[in-house]
């Protein structure tokens, strides 16, 4: 019997050659272009940065084009069967569970709109990213698009929005607020470092990565987000101590440059705001009933009161205004804030109950597991300047930024989170998916088998030179 890992695919063990459909690691094709456009519109919001694009409906056109091409081109790694992964299962079940929450939601209209107008599109983005990638090169291309649109967003807001005087931080941005965008910026940083430090990417891409990283760092400071700051510290720690596929001198130098940008652009007001992280007992988030600490406590209460289906998708603010202990104050003409959850995990637990929280956490954990399996390939292969292990660690850094940033924000249905999960699952699919390799037996990658495979000139994600019988159950 074949043992399965947290990613939903057979657990990592010695790799033997197996039957595989031909897999192109070549150039862009139209389907990938449409998916890239969908990322640019859903995550980068380019149509809002440049309103001249709005009449063209780029989000609809790119999503529809990608979906049609994916459905009619069911061959090789783009077969629906190749979507199989634990993260994919959890994401689809999360969509189903959110739909089931609609009839019993506190406000059915709000829940219905979230599920069938917003979240279903987010899940479609996830499926199209995972389904469209054919090779590691495709994952690289889409990861660069993610980085590029985040950097473009940063550059545009730096040009169009000024800070100074009483307005010490960015405000009134496009689609995202300052805290949301700070998390997006943090998630793009490890990808920028990957494209800058990893060889064979070309001078244009490396220079654009440096420029993009600079824009992201400056914009992150001007966002003035404490959650974004903590996420950046977590990512910086990962880069310094765990991003082992980049040489130590590059890790130290890159972190030092980013720190220098912070020091050069951050104001006294910024550091004063960040210093409040160390005095939580005096911070409004701990002392005020509308601060995060009390909101989270009430959110856990909503989950315990509605443990199966929660209060309904996107109904956390409704719960705050109708069933929270503070709601009774409204009968005395005392205003009550209908707060957001300010924590993705509390948000999901309160809105979709305990099953929803389990699915959400499992989806993220399985994505980390998938990247970990790919990253461990470096143990079995000769040192390479560029390959799946390097990209896997960059994506791991991005997911760390999403997880930490999401702990302080309501990102449970946001496109940036599911795009990050999709890139992780897509990389594992391209490198270790059934049909390209058969995985059997032990719980470690077999050095001799995998090393022999790639020493024969095979590119990661390309079809094997010969085939053997696939083990039963894969």
Protein backbone atom coordinates (compact mmCIF):
# COMPACT_ATOMS: atom_id res chain seq x y z
CA UNK A 1 0.00 0.00 0.00
CA UNK A 2 1.39 3.42 -0.94
CA UNK A 3 1.71 5.90 1.92
CA UNK A 4 0.60 9.46 1.30
CA UNK A 5 2.03 12.68 2.57
CA UNK A 6 0.40 15.88 3.74
CA UNK A 7 0.45 17.19 0.20
CA UNK A 8 -2.01 14.54 -0.93
CA UNK A 9 0.52 12.81 -3.17
CA UNK A 10 2.54 9.70 -2.31
CA UNK A 11 5.03 10.39 0.44
CA UNK A 12 8.54 11.30 -0.49
CA UNK A 13 10.77 8.28 -0.81
CA UNK A 14 13.17 6.83 -3.35
CA UNK A 15 12.18 8.05 -6.78
CA UNK A 16 12.02 5.69 -9.73
CA UNK A 17 11.18 6.48 -13.30
CA UNK A 18 7.54 6.09 -14.23
CA UNK A 19 5.17 6.55 -17.12
CA UNK A 20 4.81 10.24 -17.93
CA UNK A 21 3.09 12.32 -20.53
CA UNK A 22 5.41 14.61 -22.45
CA UNK A 23 5.94 17.76 -20.44
CA UNK A 24 7.09 20.97 -22.01
CA UNK A 25 9.41 23.13 -20.00
CA UNK A 26 9.65 25.50 -22.96
CA UNK A 27 8.23 28.92 -23.54
CA UNK A 28 5.04 30.72 -22.67
CA UNK A 29 1.85 29.51 -24.30
CA UNK A 30 -1.52 31.25 -24.52
CA UNK A 31 -3.00 29.45 -21.52
CA UNK A 32 -0.12 30.53 -19.29
CA UNK A 33 -0.40 34.10 -20.58
CA UNK A 34 -4.06 34.18 -19.56
CA UNK A 35 -3.25 32.79 -16.11
CA UNK A 36 -0.51 35.40 -15.69
CA UNK A 37 -3.01 38.06 -16.65
CA UNK A 38 -5.46 36.71 -14.10
CA UNK A 39 -2.78 36.97 -11.39
CA UNK A 40 -2.03 40.53 -12.50
CA UNK A 41 -5.68 41.53 -12.20
CA UNK A 42 -6.69 39.50 -9.13
CA UNK A 43 -3.55 40.04 -7.03
CA UNK A 44 -1.86 43.07 -8.61
CA UNK A 45 -5.14 44.91 -9.35
CA UNK A 46 -3.61 46.45 -12.48
CA UNK A 47 -7.05 47.43 -13.75
CA UNK A 48 -7.47 49.68 -10.71
CA UNK A 49 -3.96 51.07 -10.93
CA UNK A 50 -4.69 52.00 -14.54
CA UNK A 51 -8.45 52.67 -14.88
CA UNK A 52 -8.12 52.95 -18.65
CA UNK A 53 -8.12 49.14 -18.61
CA UNK A 54 -11.47 48.83 -16.83
CA UNK A 55 -13.69 49.00 -19.96
CA UNK A 56 -11.77 46.02 -21.34
CA UNK A 57 -12.76 43.90 -18.31
CA UNK A 58 -9.30 42.32 -18.08
CA UNK A 59 -10.12 40.21 -15.02
CA UNK A 60 -13.06 38.55 -16.77
CA UNK A 61 -11.24 38.11 -20.08
CA UNK A 62 -8.12 36.57 -18.55
CA UNK A 63 -10.07 34.27 -16.23
CA UNK A 64 -12.43 33.16 -19.00
CA UNK A 65 -9.60 32.64 -21.48
CA UNK A 66 -7.54 30.62 -19.01
CA UNK A 67 -10.54 28.49 -18.04
CA UNK A 68 -11.58 27.73 -21.62
CA UNK A 69 -8.06 26.79 -22.68
CA UNK A 70 -7.58 24.63 -19.60
CA UNK A 71 -10.84 22.74 -20.17
CA UNK A 72 -10.26 22.07 -23.87
CA UNK A 73 -6.57 21.19 -23.51
CA UNK A 74 -6.68 18.24 -21.11
CA UNK A 75 -3.33 16.62 -21.87
CA UNK A 76 -0.23 15.74 -19.88
CA UNK A 77 0.32 17.80 -16.74
CA UNK A 78 -2.75 19.89 -17.53
CA UNK A 79 -5.17 17.06 -16.93
CA UNK A 80 -7.69 17.59 -14.16
CA UNK A 81 -6.28 14.52 -12.41
CA UNK A 82 -2.99 16.42 -11.97
CA UNK A 83 -4.76 18.86 -9.63
CA UNK A 84 -4.85 16.19 -6.96
CA UNK A 85 -3.27 17.40 -3.72
CA UNK A 86 -4.36 17.76 -0.13
CA UNK A 87 -4.28 21.55 -0.38
CA UNK A 88 -6.54 21.40 -3.45
CA UNK A 89 -8.98 19.12 -1.64
CA UNK A 90 -9.08 21.45 1.36
CA UNK A 91 -9.59 24.54 -0.80
CA UNK A 92 -12.49 22.91 -2.67
CA UNK A 93 -14.05 21.67 0.58
CA UNK A 94 -13.63 25.15 2.05
CA UNK A 95 -15.60 26.56 -0.89
CA UNK A 96 -18.29 23.92 -0.35
CA UNK A 97 -18.39 24.59 3.39
CA UNK A 98 -18.71 28.32 2.84
CA UNK A 99 -21.65 27.65 0.51
CA UNK A 100 -23.27 25.44 3.15
CA UNK A 101 -22.92 28.28 5.65
CA UNK A 102 -25.15 30.58 3.59
CA UNK A 103 -28.61 29.30 4.65
CA UNK A 104 -27.84 29.64 8.36
CA UNK A 105 -25.78 32.82 8.12
CA UNK A 106 -26.66 35.83 10.24
CA UNK A 107 -26.98 37.76 6.98
CA UNK A 108 -27.61 35.39 4.09
CA UNK A 109 -27.15 38.06 1.43
CA UNK A 110 -23.67 38.98 2.64
CA UNK A 111 -22.66 35.32 2.83
CA UNK A 112 -24.09 34.53 -0.61
CA UNK A 113 -22.26 37.43 -2.23
CA UNK A 114 -18.96 36.44 -0.63
CA UNK A 115 -19.22 32.82 -1.73
CA UNK A 116 -20.65 33.16 -5.22
CA UNK A 117 -19.25 36.52 -6.29
CA UNK A 118 -15.84 36.63 -4.59
CA UNK A 119 -14.57 33.39 -3.10
CA UNK A 120 -15.51 31.21 -6.06
CA UNK A 121 -13.30 33.43 -8.25
CA UNK A 122 -10.46 33.11 -5.76
CA UNK A 123 -10.74 29.32 -5.85
CA UNK A 124 -10.82 29.46 -9.66
CA UNK A 125 -7.56 31.42 -9.57
CA UNK A 126 -6.03 28.71 -7.38
CA UNK A 127 -7.18 25.90 -9.68
CA UNK A 128 -5.99 27.64 -12.84
CA UNK A 129 -2.53 28.29 -11.44
CA UNK A 130 -2.09 24.71 -10.26
CA UNK A 131 -3.64 23.28 -13.41
CA UNK A 132 -1.74 25.38 -15.93
CA UNK A 133 1.85 24.78 -14.85
CA UNK A 134 3.73 22.14 -16.83
CA UNK A 135 7.20 22.49 -15.40
CA UNK A 136 9.31 24.36 -12.92
CA UNK A 137 9.86 27.03 -15.58
CA UNK A 138 6.13 27.72 -15.66
CA UNK A 139 6.04 28.11 -11.87
CA UNK A 140 8.98 30.52 -12.14
CA UNK A 141 7.14 32.55 -14.75
CA UNK A 142 4.00 32.88 -12.65
CA UNK A 143 6.03 33.59 -9.51
CA UNK A 144 7.80 36.39 -11.34
CA UNK A 145 4.44 37.80 -12.43
CA UNK A 146 3.33 37.76 -8.77
CA UNK A 147 6.50 39.59 -7.75
CA UNK A 148 6.33 42.03 -10.66
CA UNK A 149 2.72 43.10 -10.08
CA UNK A 150 3.37 43.56 -6.35
CA UNK A 151 6.39 45.72 -7.18
CA UNK A 152 4.38 47.64 -9.79
CA UNK A 153 1.65 48.28 -7.23
CA UNK A 154 4.31 49.55 -4.80
CA UNK A 155 5.84 51.86 -7.41
CA UNK A 156 2.48 53.31 -8.41
CA UNK A 157 1.36 54.08 -4.86
CA UNK A 158 4.75 55.62 -4.04
CA UNK A 159 4.34 57.99 -6.98
CA UNK A 160 0.66 58.80 -6.46
CA UNK A 161 0.34 58.85 -2.66
CA UNK A 162 2.42 61.17 -0.54
CA UNK A 163 3.15 60.90 3.16
CA UNK A 164 4.21 63.66 5.49
CA UNK A 165 2.88 65.91 8.18
CA UNK A 166 -0.19 64.38 9.78
CA UNK A 167 -0.43 61.69 7.10
CA UNK A 168 2.59 59.64 8.13
CA UNK A 169 1.45 56.41 6.44
CA UNK A 170 -0.17 55.41 3.16
CA UNK A 171 -3.95 55.48 3.15
CA UNK A 172 -6.83 55.13 0.70
CA UNK A 173 -5.03 52.74 -1.63
CA UNK A 174 -6.49 50.74 -4.48
CA UNK A 175 -8.44 47.67 -3.27
CA UNK A 176 -5.99 46.94 -0.43
CA UNK A 177 -5.62 48.99 2.71
CA UNK A 178 -2.13 49.76 3.99
CA UNK A 179 -2.00 46.68 6.22
CA UNK A 180 -3.14 44.35 3.44
CA UNK A 181 -0.63 45.75 0.99
CA UNK A 182 2.17 45.51 3.55
CA UNK A 183 1.57 41.76 3.70
CA UNK A 184 1.50 41.51 -0.10
CA UNK A 185 4.81 43.37 -0.25
CA UNK A 186 6.39 41.04 2.31
CA UNK A 187 5.28 37.95 0.39
CA UNK A 188 6.91 39.27 -2.78
CA UNK A 189 10.32 39.94 -1.18
CA UNK A 190 11.59 36.31 -1.11
CA UNK A 191 10.60 35.92 -4.75
CA UNK A 192 12.52 39.06 -5.68
CA UNK A 193 15.58 37.75 -3.86
CA UNK A 194 15.27 34.46 -5.73
CA UNK A 195 15.24 36.14 -9.13
CA UNK A 196 18.11 38.45 -8.15
CA UNK A 197 20.45 35.92 -6.53
CA UNK A 198 19.77 32.81 -8.61
CA UNK A 199 21.85 32.43 -11.73
CA UNK A 200 20.73 32.14 -15.37
CA UNK A 201 17.82 34.56 -15.06
CA UNK A 202 19.29 37.22 -17.32
CA UNK A 203 20.47 40.73 -16.53
CA UNK A 204 17.13 42.41 -17.28
CA UNK A 205 15.23 40.23 -14.84
CA UNK A 206 17.89 40.59 -12.16
CA UNK A 207 18.02 44.39 -12.47
CA UNK A 208 14.22 44.63 -12.44
CA UNK A 209 14.23 42.45 -9.32
CA UNK A 210 16.55 44.89 -7.53
CA UNK A 211 14.39 47.85 -8.52
CA UNK A 212 11.24 46.01 -7.48
CA UNK A 213 12.71 45.04 -4.12
CA UNK A 214 13.61 48.66 -3.47
CA UNK A 215 10.08 49.82 -4.26
CA UNK A 216 8.58 47.10 -2.06
CA UNK A 217 10.85 47.95 0.89
CA UNK A 218 10.09 51.68 0.73
CA UNK A 219 6.36 51.07 0.31
CA UNK A 220 6.39 48.64 3.23
CA UNK A 221 7.85 51.33 5.48
CA UNK A 222 5.31 53.90 4.32
CA UNK A 223 2.45 51.50 5.01
CA UNK A 224 3.27 51.81 8.71
CA UNK A 225 1.84 48.37 9.40
CA UNK A 226 2.92 46.61 12.58
CA UNK A 227 1.61 43.30 11.25
CA UNK A 228 3.60 43.84 8.06
CA UNK A 229 6.68 44.68 10.14
CA UNK A 230 6.37 41.45 12.12
CA UNK A 231 5.83 39.49 8.91
CA UNK A 232 8.96 41.08 7.45
CA UNK A 233 10.97 40.14 10.55
CA UNK A 234 9.77 36.54 10.22
CA UNK A 235 10.69 36.45 6.52
CA UNK A 236 14.07 38.08 7.19
CA UNK A 237 14.77 35.46 9.84
CA UNK A 238 13.89 32.72 7.37
CA UNK A 239 16.15 34.26 4.72
CA UNK A 240 19.09 34.51 7.11
CA UNK A 241 18.87 31.12 8.78
CA UNK A 242 16.79 28.78 6.61
CA UNK A 243 17.13 29.99 3.01
CA UNK A 244 20.04 27.62 2.58
CA UNK A 245 19.91 27.32 -1.20
CA UNK A 246 21.32 30.86 -1.39
CA UNK A 247 24.91 31.34 -0.30
CA UNK A 248 25.34 32.86 3.14
CA UNK A 249 27.03 36.01 1.85
CA UNK A 250 24.08 36.72 -0.44
CA UNK A 251 21.62 36.15 2.39
CA UNK A 252 23.48 38.49 4.72
CA UNK A 253 24.06 41.13 2.06
CA UNK A 254 20.44 41.10 0.86
CA UNK A 255 19.09 41.37 4.39
CA UNK A 256 21.54 44.17 5.17
CA UNK A 257 20.49 46.13 2.08
CA UNK A 258 16.80 45.79 2.94
CA UNK A 259 17.55 46.85 6.52
CA UNK A 260 19.47 49.87 5.22
CA UNK A 261 16.49 50.87 3.08
CA UNK A 262 14.27 50.61 6.15
CA UNK A 263 16.62 52.79 8.20
CA UNK A 264 16.99 55.34 5.41
CA UNK A 265 13.28 55.78 4.74
CA UNK A 266 11.62 55.14 8.11
CA UNK A 267 10.68 58.22 10.13
CA UNK A 268 10.68 58.70 13.88
CA UNK A 269 6.90 58.34 13.75
CA UNK A 270 7.28 54.95 12.10
CA UNK A 271 9.69 53.64 14.73
CA UNK A 272 7.49 55.05 17.47
CA UNK A 273 4.59 53.05 16.04
CA UNK A 274 6.67 49.88 15.74
CA UNK A 275 7.94 50.26 19.31
CA UNK A 276 4.40 49.81 20.62
CA UNK A 277 4.77 46.12 19.73
CA UNK A 278 6.96 45.84 22.83
CA UNK A 279 4.39 47.49 25.11
CA UNK A 280 1.28 45.47 24.32
CA UNK A 281 -0.15 45.87 27.82
CA UNK A 282 -0.52 49.60 27.11
CA UNK A 283 -1.64 49.27 23.50
CA UNK A 284 -5.27 49.81 22.51
CA UNK A 285 -5.29 46.40 20.82
CA UNK A 286 -4.98 44.88 24.29
CA UNK A 287 -6.89 47.38 26.42
CA UNK A 288 -9.80 48.48 24.20
CA UNK A 289 -12.94 46.43 23.60
CA UNK A 290 -12.49 47.22 19.91
CA UNK A 291 -8.84 46.17 19.94
CA UNK A 292 -7.64 42.97 18.34
CA UNK A 293 -7.27 41.00 21.58
CA UNK A 294 -10.92 41.40 22.54
CA UNK A 295 -12.10 40.96 18.95
CA UNK A 296 -10.23 37.65 18.74
CA UNK A 297 -11.70 36.53 22.05
CA UNK A 298 -15.20 37.28 20.83
CA UNK A 299 -14.44 35.55 17.53
CA UNK A 300 -13.48 32.36 19.34
CA UNK A 301 -16.75 32.70 21.21
CA UNK A 302 -18.70 32.90 17.94
CA UNK A 303 -16.98 29.72 16.78
CA UNK A 304 -17.87 27.91 20.01
CA UNK A 305 -21.48 29.11 19.79
CA UNK A 306 -21.73 28.04 16.12
CA UNK A 307 -19.18 25.19 15.91
CA UNK A 308 -20.41 23.47 12.73
CA UNK A 309 -21.12 26.12 10.10
CA UNK A 310 -20.16 29.28 11.96
CA UNK A 311 -22.00 32.58 11.69
CA UNK A 312 -21.75 32.51 7.89
CA UNK A 313 -19.14 33.49 5.33
CA UNK A 314 -18.08 37.14 5.67
CA UNK A 315 -20.46 37.55 8.60
CA UNK A 316 -17.92 38.34 11.31
CA UNK A 317 -18.75 42.08 11.24
CA UNK A 318 -22.45 41.17 11.34
CA UNK A 319 -21.81 39.10 14.46
CA UNK A 320 -19.96 42.01 16.05
CA UNK A 321 -22.97 44.25 15.50
CA UNK A 322 -25.76 41.82 16.37
CA UNK A 323 -24.75 38.99 18.72
CA UNK A 324 -21.60 40.22 20.46
CA UNK A 325 -21.76 41.21 24.14
CA UNK A 326 -21.32 44.82 22.99
CA UNK A 327 -24.33 44.73 20.66
CA UNK A 328 -26.73 45.34 23.56
CA UNK A 329 -25.29 48.83 23.98
CA UNK A 330 -27.07 49.90 20.80
CA UNK A 331 -30.42 49.94 22.60
CA UNK A 332 -29.01 52.77 24.70
CA UNK A 333 -28.03 54.70 21.57
CA UNK A 334 -24.38 53.82 22.08
CA UNK A 335 -22.66 53.12 18.81
CA UNK A 336 -20.98 49.74 18.31
CA UNK A 337 -18.29 49.09 15.70
CA UNK A 338 -18.95 46.18 13.38
CA UNK A 339 -15.34 45.06 13.41
CA UNK A 340 -13.48 42.79 11.03
CA UNK A 341 -11.76 39.80 12.62
CA UNK A 342 -8.21 41.09 12.03
CA UNK A 343 -7.03 37.47 12.10
CA UNK A 344 -7.55 35.05 9.23
CA UNK A 345 -7.69 32.00 11.49
CA UNK A 346 -10.21 33.56 13.88
CA UNK A 347 -12.16 34.81 10.85
CA UNK A 348 -12.48 31.36 9.31
CA UNK A 349 -13.27 29.68 12.63
CA UNK A 350 -15.99 32.17 13.47
CA UNK A 351 -17.50 32.31 9.98
CA UNK A 352 -17.22 28.64 8.94
CA UNK A 353 -16.97 26.84 12.27
CA UNK A 354 -14.45 24.28 13.46
CA UNK A 355 -14.52 22.25 10.20
CA UNK A 356 -13.74 25.38 8.21
CA UNK A 357 -10.82 26.22 10.49
CA UNK A 358 -9.44 22.69 10.17
CA UNK A 359 -9.66 22.83 6.37
CA UNK A 360 -8.00 26.25 6.28
CA UNK A 361 -5.09 25.28 8.53
CA UNK A 362 -4.63 21.96 6.73
CA UNK A 363 -4.50 23.67 3.33
CA UNK A 364 -1.69 25.95 4.50
CA UNK A 365 0.19 23.20 6.33
CA UNK A 366 -0.01 20.89 3.30
CA UNK A 367 1.41 23.63 1.08
CA UNK A 368 4.36 24.04 3.44
CA UNK A 369 4.80 20.26 3.40
CA UNK A 370 4.78 20.17 -0.40
CA UNK A 371 7.47 22.84 -0.57
CA UNK A 372 9.50 21.03 2.06
CA UNK A 373 9.52 17.88 -0.04
CA UNK A 374 10.75 19.79 -3.08
CA UNK A 375 13.36 21.70 -1.06
CA UNK A 376 14.82 18.44 0.23
CA UNK A 377 15.78 17.53 -3.33
CA UNK A 378 19.02 19.43 -2.70
CA UNK A 379 20.17 16.52 -0.52
CA UNK A 380 19.99 14.18 -3.49
CA UNK A 381 21.36 16.37 -6.25
CA UNK A 382 24.66 18.01 -7.08
CA UNK A 383 24.83 21.71 -6.25
CA UNK A 384 22.92 23.67 -8.90
CA UNK A 385 22.61 27.46 -9.19
CA UNK A 386 18.95 27.16 -10.08
CA UNK A 387 16.37 24.44 -9.55
CA UNK A 388 13.25 23.39 -7.65
CA UNK A 389 14.93 23.51 -4.20
CA UNK A 390 15.83 27.18 -4.65
CA UNK A 391 12.36 28.11 -5.86
CA UNK A 392 10.71 26.01 -3.14
CA UNK A 393 12.56 27.90 -0.42
CA UNK A 394 11.62 31.25 -1.98
CA UNK A 395 7.96 30.21 -2.01
CA UNK A 396 8.30 28.99 1.58
CA UNK A 397 9.44 32.48 2.56
CA UNK A 398 6.39 33.92 0.81
CA UNK A 399 4.05 31.55 2.64
CA UNK A 400 5.67 32.49 5.95
CA UNK A 401 4.89 36.12 5.15
CA UNK A 402 1.30 35.20 4.35
CA UNK A 403 0.88 33.15 7.52
CA UNK A 404 2.34 35.80 9.82
CA UNK A 405 0.64 38.70 8.05
CA UNK A 406 -2.62 36.77 7.96
CA UNK A 407 -2.48 36.40 11.73
CA UNK A 408 -3.18 40.13 11.99
CA UNK A 409 -5.47 40.58 8.98
CA UNK A 410 -8.70 39.16 7.57
CA UNK A 411 -7.15 37.44 4.53
CA UNK A 412 -9.11 34.18 4.62
CA UNK A 413 -10.70 34.73 1.19
CA UNK A 414 -8.02 36.97 -0.37
CA UNK A 415 -6.50 36.16 -3.74
CA UNK A 416 -2.91 36.68 -2.58
CA UNK A 417 -3.16 33.80 -0.10
CA UNK A 418 -4.57 31.32 -2.59
CA UNK A 419 -2.13 32.39 -5.31
CA UNK A 420 0.70 31.60 -2.88
CA UNK A 421 -0.79 28.21 -2.06
CA UNK A 422 -1.27 27.47 -5.75
CA UNK A 423 2.35 28.26 -6.63
CA UNK A 424 3.49 25.88 -3.88
CA UNK A 425 1.24 23.04 -5.02
CA UNK A 426 2.03 23.76 -8.66
CA UNK A 427 5.76 23.44 -8.03
CA UNK A 428 5.35 20.07 -6.35
CA UNK A 429 3.08 18.90 -9.15
CA UNK A 430 5.63 19.95 -11.78
CA UNK A 431 8.54 18.28 -10.00
CA UNK A 432 7.15 15.25 -8.19
CA UNK A 433 3.66 14.65 -9.55
CA UNK A 434 2.42 11.12 -10.26
CA UNK A 435 3.12 10.25 -13.88
CA UNK A 436 6.54 11.92 -13.79
CA UNK A 437 7.99 9.98 -10.89
CA UNK A 438 6.82 6.99 -8.92
CA UNK A 439 7.50 7.29 -5.23
CA UNK A 440 7.79 4.20 -3.12
CA UNK A 441 9.00 2.88 0.18
CA UNK A 442 11.10 4.93 2.54
CA UNK A 443 10.55 8.39 3.96
CA UNK A 444 13.64 9.97 2.43
CA UNK A 445 14.51 11.02 -1.08
CA UNK A 446 16.68 8.38 -2.72
CA UNK A 447 19.95 9.98 -3.67
CA UNK A 448 21.04 7.39 -6.19
CA UNK A 449 17.73 7.20 -8.07
CA UNK A 450 17.00 10.91 -8.35
CA UNK A 451 20.63 11.86 -8.84
CA UNK A 452 20.95 9.37 -11.69
CA UNK A 453 17.77 10.72 -13.28
CA UNK A 454 19.02 14.29 -13.45
CA UNK A 455 22.64 13.50 -14.16
CA UNK A 456 21.49 12.11 -17.50
CA UNK A 457 20.61 15.62 -18.62
CA UNK A 458 16.95 15.67 -17.64
CA UNK A 459 15.46 19.06 -16.86
CA UNK A 460 13.29 19.34 -13.76
CA UNK A 461 9.73 18.71 -14.82
CA UNK A 462 10.68 17.16 -18.17
CA UNK A 463 9.65 13.64 -19.17
CA UNK A 464 11.90 10.73 -18.23
CA UNK A 465 14.10 9.08 -20.82
CA UNK A 466 12.48 5.71 -20.38
CA UNK A 467 9.53 4.26 -18.52
CA UNK A 468 8.87 1.39 -16.19
CA UNK A 469 5.73 -0.05 -14.66
CA UNK A 470 4.17 2.33 -12.16
CA UNK A 471 3.62 0.89 -8.67
CA UNK A 472 0.03 0.00 -7.87
CA UNK A 473 -1.94 2.78 -6.22
CA UNK A 474 -0.13 5.76 -7.72
